[in-house]
Amino acid sequence: MKLGTFFRMLLIAFGLVISFLSFQGWYIGWLNERLPMDRSRLIRSERIFGFCLIFFGIMQTVKVLIY
């Protein structure tokens, strides 16, 4: 496996982990201690960040598969 493919898969994996953790109350509480902001805004930003990582990882993988 090439190094670029590994990084693309790593993007997808990190996106899945962050998306999963955004549904966990203990993680949001831990994050809220370090980033004092509104809880709903924090949850929304974590979910969006996770989904963006997944999206970019998939798009980069598809780009390699097409070419």
PDB file of N, CA and C in Angstrom:
ATOM      1  N   MET A   1       0.854  -1.181   0.000  1.00  0.00           N
ATOM      2  CA  MET A   1       0.000   0.000   0.000  1.00  0.00           C
ATOM      3  C   MET A   1       0.892   1.234   0.000  1.00  0.00           C
ATOM      4  N   LYS A   2       0.571   2.168  -0.829  1.00  0.00           N
ATOM      5  CA  LYS A   2       1.357   3.389  -0.895  1.00  0.00           C
ATOM      6  C   LYS A   2       1.073   4.270   0.313  1.00  0.00           C
ATOM      7  N   LEU A   3       2.003   5.151   0.596  1.00  0.00           N
ATOM      8  CA  LEU A   3       1.881   6.029   1.760  1.00  0.00           C
ATOM      9  C   LEU A   3       0.693   6.974   1.642  1.00  0.00           C
ATOM     10  N   GLY A   4       0.416   7.483   0.448  1.00  0.00           N
ATOM     11  CA  GLY A   4      -0.713   8.382   0.237  1.00  0.00           C
ATOM     12  C   GLY A   4      -2.041   7.702   0.522  1.00  0.00           C
ATOM     13  N   THR A   5      -2.154   6.443   0.117  1.00  0.00           N
ATOM     14  CA  THR A   5      -3.375   5.693   0.381  1.00  0.00           C
ATOM     15  C   THR A   5      -3.553   5.476   1.870  1.00  0.00           C
ATOM     16  N   PHE A   6      -2.458   5.235   2.555  1.00  0.00           N
ATOM     17  CA  PHE A   6      -2.511   5.068   4.007  1.00  0.00           C
ATOM     18  C   PHE A   6      -3.027   6.335   4.683  1.00  0.00           C
ATOM     19  N   PHE A   7      -2.552   7.495   4.256  1.00  0.00           N
ATOM     20  CA  PHE A   7      -3.004   8.753   4.839  1.00  0.00           C
ATOM     21  C   PHE A   7      -4.471   9.032   4.524  1.00  0.00           C
ATOM     22  N   ARG A   8      -4.907   8.642   3.345  1.00  0.00           N
ATOM     23  CA  ARG A   8      -6.322   8.808   3.001  1.00  0.00           C
ATOM     24  C   ARG A   8      -7.204   7.947   3.893  1.00  0.00           C
ATOM     25  N   MET A   9      -6.787   6.721   4.120  1.00  0.00           N
ATOM     26  CA  MET A   9      -7.544   5.840   5.013  1.00  0.00           C
ATOM     27  C   MET A   9      -7.495   6.346   6.455  1.00  0.00           C
ATOM     28  N   LEU A  10      -6.377   6.949   6.824  1.00  0.00           N
ATOM     29  CA  LEU A  10      -6.247   7.517   8.157  1.00  0.00           C
ATOM     30  C   LEU A  10      -7.199   8.699   8.340  1.00  0.00           C
ATOM     31  N   LEU A  11      -7.379   9.518   7.301  1.00  0.00           N
ATOM     32  CA  LEU A  11      -8.355  10.607   7.349  1.00  0.00           C
ATOM     33  C   LEU A  11      -9.761  10.075   7.610  1.00  0.00           C
ATOM     34  N   ILE A  12     -10.115   9.023   6.901  1.00  0.00           N
ATOM     35  CA  ILE A  12     -11.441   8.428   7.079  1.00  0.00           C
ATOM     36  C   ILE A  12     -11.583   7.867   8.485  1.00  0.00           C
ATOM     37  N   ALA A  13     -10.544   7.200   8.981  1.00  0.00           N
ATOM     38  CA  ALA A  13     -10.606   6.611  10.321  1.00  0.00           C
ATOM     39  C   ALA A  13     -10.737   7.690  11.391  1.00  0.00           C
ATOM     40  N   PHE A  14      -9.955   8.754  11.292  1.00  0.00           N
ATOM     41  CA  PHE A  14     -10.059   9.844  12.273  1.00  0.00           C
ATOM     42  C   PHE A  14     -11.436  10.505  12.205  1.00  0.00           C
ATOM     43  N   GLY A  15     -11.965  10.649  11.008  1.00  0.00           N
ATOM     44  CA  GLY A  15     -13.300  11.217  10.866  1.00  0.00           C
ATOM     45  C   GLY A  15     -14.354  10.357  11.533  1.00  0.00           C
ATOM     46  N   LEU A  16     -14.237   9.039  11.375  1.00  0.00           N
ATOM     47  CA  LEU A  16     -15.185   8.135  12.022  1.00  0.00           C
ATOM     48  C   LEU A  16     -15.063   8.192  13.539  1.00  0.00           C
ATOM     49  N   VAL A  17     -13.838   8.242  14.036  1.00  0.00           N
ATOM     50  CA  VAL A  17     -13.627   8.296  15.489  1.00  0.00           C
ATOM     51  C   VAL A  17     -14.188   9.591  16.064  1.00  0.00           C
ATOM     52  N   ILE A  18     -13.902  10.717  15.429  1.00  0.00           N
ATOM     53  CA  ILE A  18     -14.397  11.999  15.941  1.00  0.00           C
ATOM     54  C   ILE A  18     -15.914  12.062  15.847  1.00  0.00           C
ATOM     55  N   SER A  19     -16.481  11.532  14.768  1.00  0.00           N
ATOM     56  CA  SER A  19     -17.941  11.516  14.658  1.00  0.00           C
ATOM     57  C   SER A  19     -18.563  10.645  15.737  1.00  0.00           C
ATOM     58  N   PHE A  20     -17.965   9.498  16.004  1.00  0.00           N
ATOM     59  CA  PHE A  20     -18.477   8.624  17.058  1.00  0.00           C
ATOM     60  C   PHE A  20     -18.350   9.282  18.428  1.00  0.00           C
ATOM     61  N   LEU A  21     -17.200   9.909  18.684  1.00  0.00           N
ATOM     62  CA  LEU A  21     -16.988  10.538  19.993  1.00  0.00           C
ATOM     63  C   LEU A  21     -17.900  11.740  20.203  1.00  0.00           C
ATOM     64  N   SER A  22     -18.347  12.372  19.143  1.00  0.00           N
ATOM     65  CA  SER A  22     -19.218  13.530  19.309  1.00  0.00           C
ATOM     66  C   SER A  22     -20.583  13.146  19.873  1.00  0.00           C
ATOM     67  N   PHE A  23     -20.922  11.862  19.859  1.00  0.00           N
ATOM     68  CA  PHE A  23     -22.170  11.380  20.444  1.00  0.00           C
ATOM     69  C   PHE A  23     -21.980  10.910  21.890  1.00  0.00           C
ATOM     70  N   GLN A  24     -20.743  10.926  22.391  1.00  0.00           N
ATOM     71  CA  GLN A  24     -20.459  10.464  23.749  1.00  0.00           C
ATOM     72  C   GLN A  24     -20.452  11.648  24.714  1.00  0.00           C
ATOM     73  N   GLY A  25     -21.206  11.522  25.782  1.00  0.00           N
ATOM     74  CA  GLY A  25     -21.325  12.610  26.752  1.00  0.00           C
ATOM     75  C   GLY A  25     -20.032  12.917  27.481  1.00  0.00           C
ATOM     76  N   TRP A  26     -19.251  11.876  27.812  1.00  0.00           N
ATOM     77  CA  TRP A  26     -17.999  12.103  28.548  1.00  0.00           C
ATOM     78  C   TRP A  26     -16.990  12.863  27.690  1.00  0.00           C
ATOM     79  N   TYR A  27     -16.975  12.591  26.394  1.00  0.00           N
ATOM     80  CA  TYR A  27     -16.038  13.286  25.512  1.00  0.00           C
ATOM     81  C   TYR A  27     -16.417  14.753  25.361  1.00  0.00           C
ATOM     82  N   ILE A  28     -17.699  15.013  25.218  1.00  0.00           N
ATOM     83  CA  ILE A  28     -18.163  16.399  25.085  1.00  0.00           C
ATOM     84  C   ILE A  28     -17.895  17.153  26.383  1.00  0.00           C
ATOM     85  N   GLY A  29     -18.100  16.501  27.532  1.00  0.00           N
ATOM     86  CA  GLY A  29     -17.791  17.141  28.806  1.00  0.00           C
ATOM     87  C   GLY A  29     -16.311  17.454  28.933  1.00  0.00           C
ATOM     88  N   TRP A  30     -15.471  16.507  28.525  1.00  0.00           N
ATOM     89  CA  TRP A  30     -14.022  16.705  28.572  1.00  0.00           C
ATOM     90  C   TRP A  30     -13.607  17.837  27.641  1.00  0.00           C
ATOM     91  N   LEU A  31     -14.204  17.871  26.476  1.00  0.00           N
ATOM     92  CA  LEU A  31     -13.887  18.918  25.511  1.00  0.00           C
ATOM     93  C   LEU A  31     -14.382  20.275  25.987  1.00  0.00           C
ATOM     94  N   ASN A  32     -15.532  20.288  26.640  1.00  0.00           N
ATOM     95  CA  ASN A  32     -16.113  21.530  27.123  1.00  0.00           C
ATOM     96  C   ASN A  32     -15.272  22.149  28.237  1.00  0.00           C
ATOM     97  N   GLU A  33     -14.555  21.318  29.003  1.00  0.00           N
ATOM     98  CA  GLU A  33     -13.633  21.842  30.021  1.00  0.00           C
ATOM     99  C   GLU A  33     -12.479  22.589  29.379  1.00  0.00           C
ATOM    100  N   ARG A  34     -12.031  22.100  28.236  1.00  0.00           N
ATOM    101  CA  ARG A  34     -10.864  22.696  27.575  1.00  0.00           C
ATOM    102  C   ARG A  34     -11.234  23.821  26.619  1.00  0.00           C
ATOM    103  N   LEU A  35     -12.413  23.743  26.040  1.00  0.00           N
ATOM    104  CA  LEU A  35     -12.888  24.781  25.126  1.00  0.00           C
ATOM    105  C   LEU A  35     -14.210  25.322  25.658  1.00  0.00           C
ATOM    106  N   PRO A  36     -14.166  26.349  26.482  1.00  0.00           N
ATOM    107  CA  PRO A  36     -15.414  26.848  27.071  1.00  0.00           C
ATOM    108  C   PRO A  36     -16.281  27.579  26.036  1.00  0.00           C
ATOM    109  N   MET A  37     -17.235  26.843  25.491  1.00  0.00           N
ATOM    110  CA  MET A  37     -18.180  27.413  24.545  1.00  0.00           C
ATOM    111  C   MET A  37     -19.518  26.698  24.735  1.00  0.00           C
ATOM    112  N   ASP A  38     -20.523  27.157  24.051  1.00  0.00           N
ATOM    113  CA  ASP A  38     -21.849  26.568  24.159  1.00  0.00           C
ATOM    114  C   ASP A  38     -21.794  25.089  23.779  1.00  0.00           C
ATOM    115  N   ARG A  39     -22.462  24.250  24.563  1.00  0.00           N
ATOM    116  CA  ARG A  39     -22.396  22.805  24.382  1.00  0.00           C
ATOM    117  C   ARG A  39     -22.940  22.376  23.014  1.00  0.00           C
ATOM    118  N   SER A  40     -24.051  22.934  22.590  1.00  0.00           N
ATOM    119  CA  SER A  40     -24.624  22.541  21.301  1.00  0.00           C
ATOM    120  C   SER A  40     -23.721  22.960  20.137  1.00  0.00           C
ATOM    121  N   ARG A  41     -23.096  24.105  20.267  1.00  0.00           N
ATOM    122  CA  ARG A  41     -22.172  24.561  19.216  1.00  0.00           C
ATOM    123  C   ARG A  41     -20.939  23.665  19.164  1.00  0.00           C
ATOM    124  N   LEU A  42     -20.468  23.233  20.319  1.00  0.00           N
ATOM    125  CA  LEU A  42     -19.314  22.340  20.387  1.00  0.00           C
ATOM    126  C   LEU A  42     -19.625  20.994  19.750  1.00  0.00           C
ATOM    127  N   ILE A  43     -20.796  20.453  20.044  1.00  0.00           N
ATOM    128  CA  ILE A  43     -21.204  19.170  19.467  1.00  0.00           C
ATOM    129  C   ILE A  43     -21.329  19.292  17.955  1.00  0.00           C
ATOM    130  N   ARG A  44     -21.980  20.355  17.497  1.00  0.00           N
ATOM    131  CA  ARG A  44     -22.166  20.556  16.055  1.00  0.00           C
ATOM    132  C   ARG A  44     -20.821  20.694  15.335  1.00  0.00           C
ATOM    133  N   SER A  45     -19.896  21.441  15.922  1.00  0.00           N
ATOM    134  CA  SER A  45     -18.601  21.640  15.263  1.00  0.00           C
ATOM    135  C   SER A  45     -17.797  20.347  15.220  1.00  0.00           C
ATOM    136  N   GLU A  46     -17.886  19.517  16.261  1.00  0.00           N
ATOM    137  CA  GLU A  46     -17.176  18.236  16.252  1.00  0.00           C
ATOM    138  C   GLU A  46     -17.750  17.307  15.188  1.00  0.00           C
ATOM    139  N   ARG A  47     -19.068  17.272  15.076  1.00  0.00           N
ATOM    140  CA  ARG A  47     -19.688  16.401  14.071  1.00  0.00           C
ATOM    141  C   ARG A  47     -19.372  16.862  12.660  1.00  0.00           C
ATOM    142  N   ILE A  48     -19.408  18.157  12.439  1.00  0.00           N
ATOM    143  CA  ILE A  48     -19.079  18.685  11.111  1.00  0.00           C
ATOM    144  C   ILE A  48     -17.626  18.396  10.762  1.00  0.00           C
ATOM    145  N   PHE A  49     -16.726  18.567  11.746  1.00  0.00           N
ATOM    146  CA  PHE A  49     -15.310  18.294  11.505  1.00  0.00           C
ATOM    147  C   PHE A  49     -15.089  16.821  11.165  1.00  0.00           C
ATOM    148  N   GLY A  50     -15.749  15.937  11.898  1.00  0.00           N
ATOM    149  CA  GLY A  50     -15.621  14.504  11.620  1.00  0.00           C
ATOM    150  C   GLY A  50     -16.141  14.149  10.243  1.00  0.00           C
ATOM    151  N   PHE A  51     -17.299  14.677   9.885  1.00  0.00           N
ATOM    152  CA  PHE A  51     -17.863  14.378   8.573  1.00  0.00           C
ATOM    153  C   PHE A  51     -17.022  14.984   7.448  1.00  0.00           C
ATOM    154  N   CYS A  52     -16.407  16.133   7.680  1.00  0.00           N
ATOM    155  CA  CYS A  52     -15.517  16.729   6.666  1.00  0.00           C
ATOM    156  C   CYS A  52     -14.283  15.859   6.452  1.00  0.00           C
ATOM    157  N   LEU A  53     -13.726  15.327   7.523  1.00  0.00           N
ATOM    158  CA  LEU A  53     -12.576  14.427   7.376  1.00  0.00           C
ATOM    159  C   LEU A  53     -12.961  13.187   6.578  1.00  0.00           C
ATOM    160  N   ILE A  54     -14.117  12.628   6.879  1.00  0.00           N
ATOM    161  CA  ILE A  54     -14.580  11.458   6.134  1.00  0.00           C
ATOM    162  C   ILE A  54     -14.779  11.821   4.663  1.00  0.00           C
ATOM    163  N   PHE A  55     -15.418  12.946   4.398  1.00  0.00           N
ATOM    164  CA  PHE A  55     -15.689  13.364   3.027  1.00  0.00           C
ATOM    165  C   PHE A  55     -14.399  13.550   2.239  1.00  0.00           C
ATOM    166  N   PHE A  56     -13.423  14.280   2.811  1.00  0.00           N
ATOM    167  CA  PHE A  56     -12.175  14.511   2.085  1.00  0.00           C
ATOM    168  C   PHE A  56     -11.372  13.225   1.906  1.00  0.00           C
ATOM    169  N   GLY A  57     -11.410  12.349   2.882  1.00  0.00           N
ATOM    170  CA  GLY A  57     -10.729  11.065   2.734  1.00  0.00           C
ATOM    171  C   GLY A  57     -11.332  10.236   1.619  1.00  0.00           C
ATOM    172  N   ILE A  58     -12.665  10.202   1.548  1.00  0.00           N
ATOM    173  CA  ILE A  58     -13.333   9.437   0.489  1.00  0.00           C
ATOM    174  C   ILE A  58     -13.085  10.073  -0.874  1.00  0.00           C
ATOM    175  N   MET A  59     -13.159  11.390  -0.955  1.00  0.00           N
ATOM    176  CA  MET A  59     -12.937  12.055  -2.241  1.00  0.00           C
ATOM    177  C   MET A  59     -11.512  11.824  -2.754  1.00  0.00           C
ATOM    178  N   GLN A  60     -10.546  11.870  -1.864  1.00  0.00           N
ATOM    179  CA  GLN A  60      -9.167  11.627  -2.286  1.00  0.00           C
ATOM    180  C   GLN A  60      -8.970  10.174  -2.718  1.00  0.00           C
ATOM    181  N   THR A  61      -9.627   9.255  -2.045  1.00  0.00           N
ATOM    182  CA  THR A  61      -9.524   7.846  -2.421  1.00  0.00           C
ATOM    183  C   THR A  61     -10.202   7.600  -3.765  1.00  0.00           C
ATOM    184  N   VAL A  62     -11.354   8.189  -3.983  1.00  0.00           N
ATOM    185  CA  VAL A  62     -12.049   8.047  -5.254  1.00  0.00           C
ATOM    186  C   VAL A  62     -11.227   8.664  -6.383  1.00  0.00           C
ATOM    187  N   LYS A  63     -10.585   9.777  -6.107  1.00  0.00           N
ATOM    188  CA  LYS A  63      -9.761  10.430  -7.129  1.00  0.00           C
ATOM    189  C   LYS A  63      -8.633   9.496  -7.583  1.00  0.00           C
ATOM    190  N   VAL A  64      -8.036   8.792  -6.641  1.00  0.00           N
ATOM    191  CA  VAL A  64      -6.960   7.862  -6.993  1.00  0.00           C
ATOM    192  C   VAL A  64      -7.517   6.671  -7.769  1.00  0.00           C
ATOM    193  N   LEU A  65      -8.681   6.189  -7.374  1.00  0.00           N
ATOM    194  CA  LEU A  65      -9.267   5.028  -8.058  1.00  0.00           C
ATOM    195  C   LEU A  65      -9.708   5.361  -9.473  1.00  0.00           C
ATOM    196  N   ILE A  66     -10.154   6.606  -9.714  1.00  0.00           N
ATOM    197  CA  ILE A  66     -10.596   6.978 -11.048  1.00  0.00           C
ATOM    198  C   ILE A  66      -9.412   7.131 -11.992  1.00  0.00           C
ATOM    199  N   TYR A  67      -8.321   7.739 -11.503  1.00  0.00           N
ATOM    200  CA  TYR A  67      -7.169   7.967 -12.390  1.00  0.00           C
ATOM    201  C   TYR A  67      -6.247   6.837 -12.333  1.00  0.00           C
TER     202      TYR A  67
END
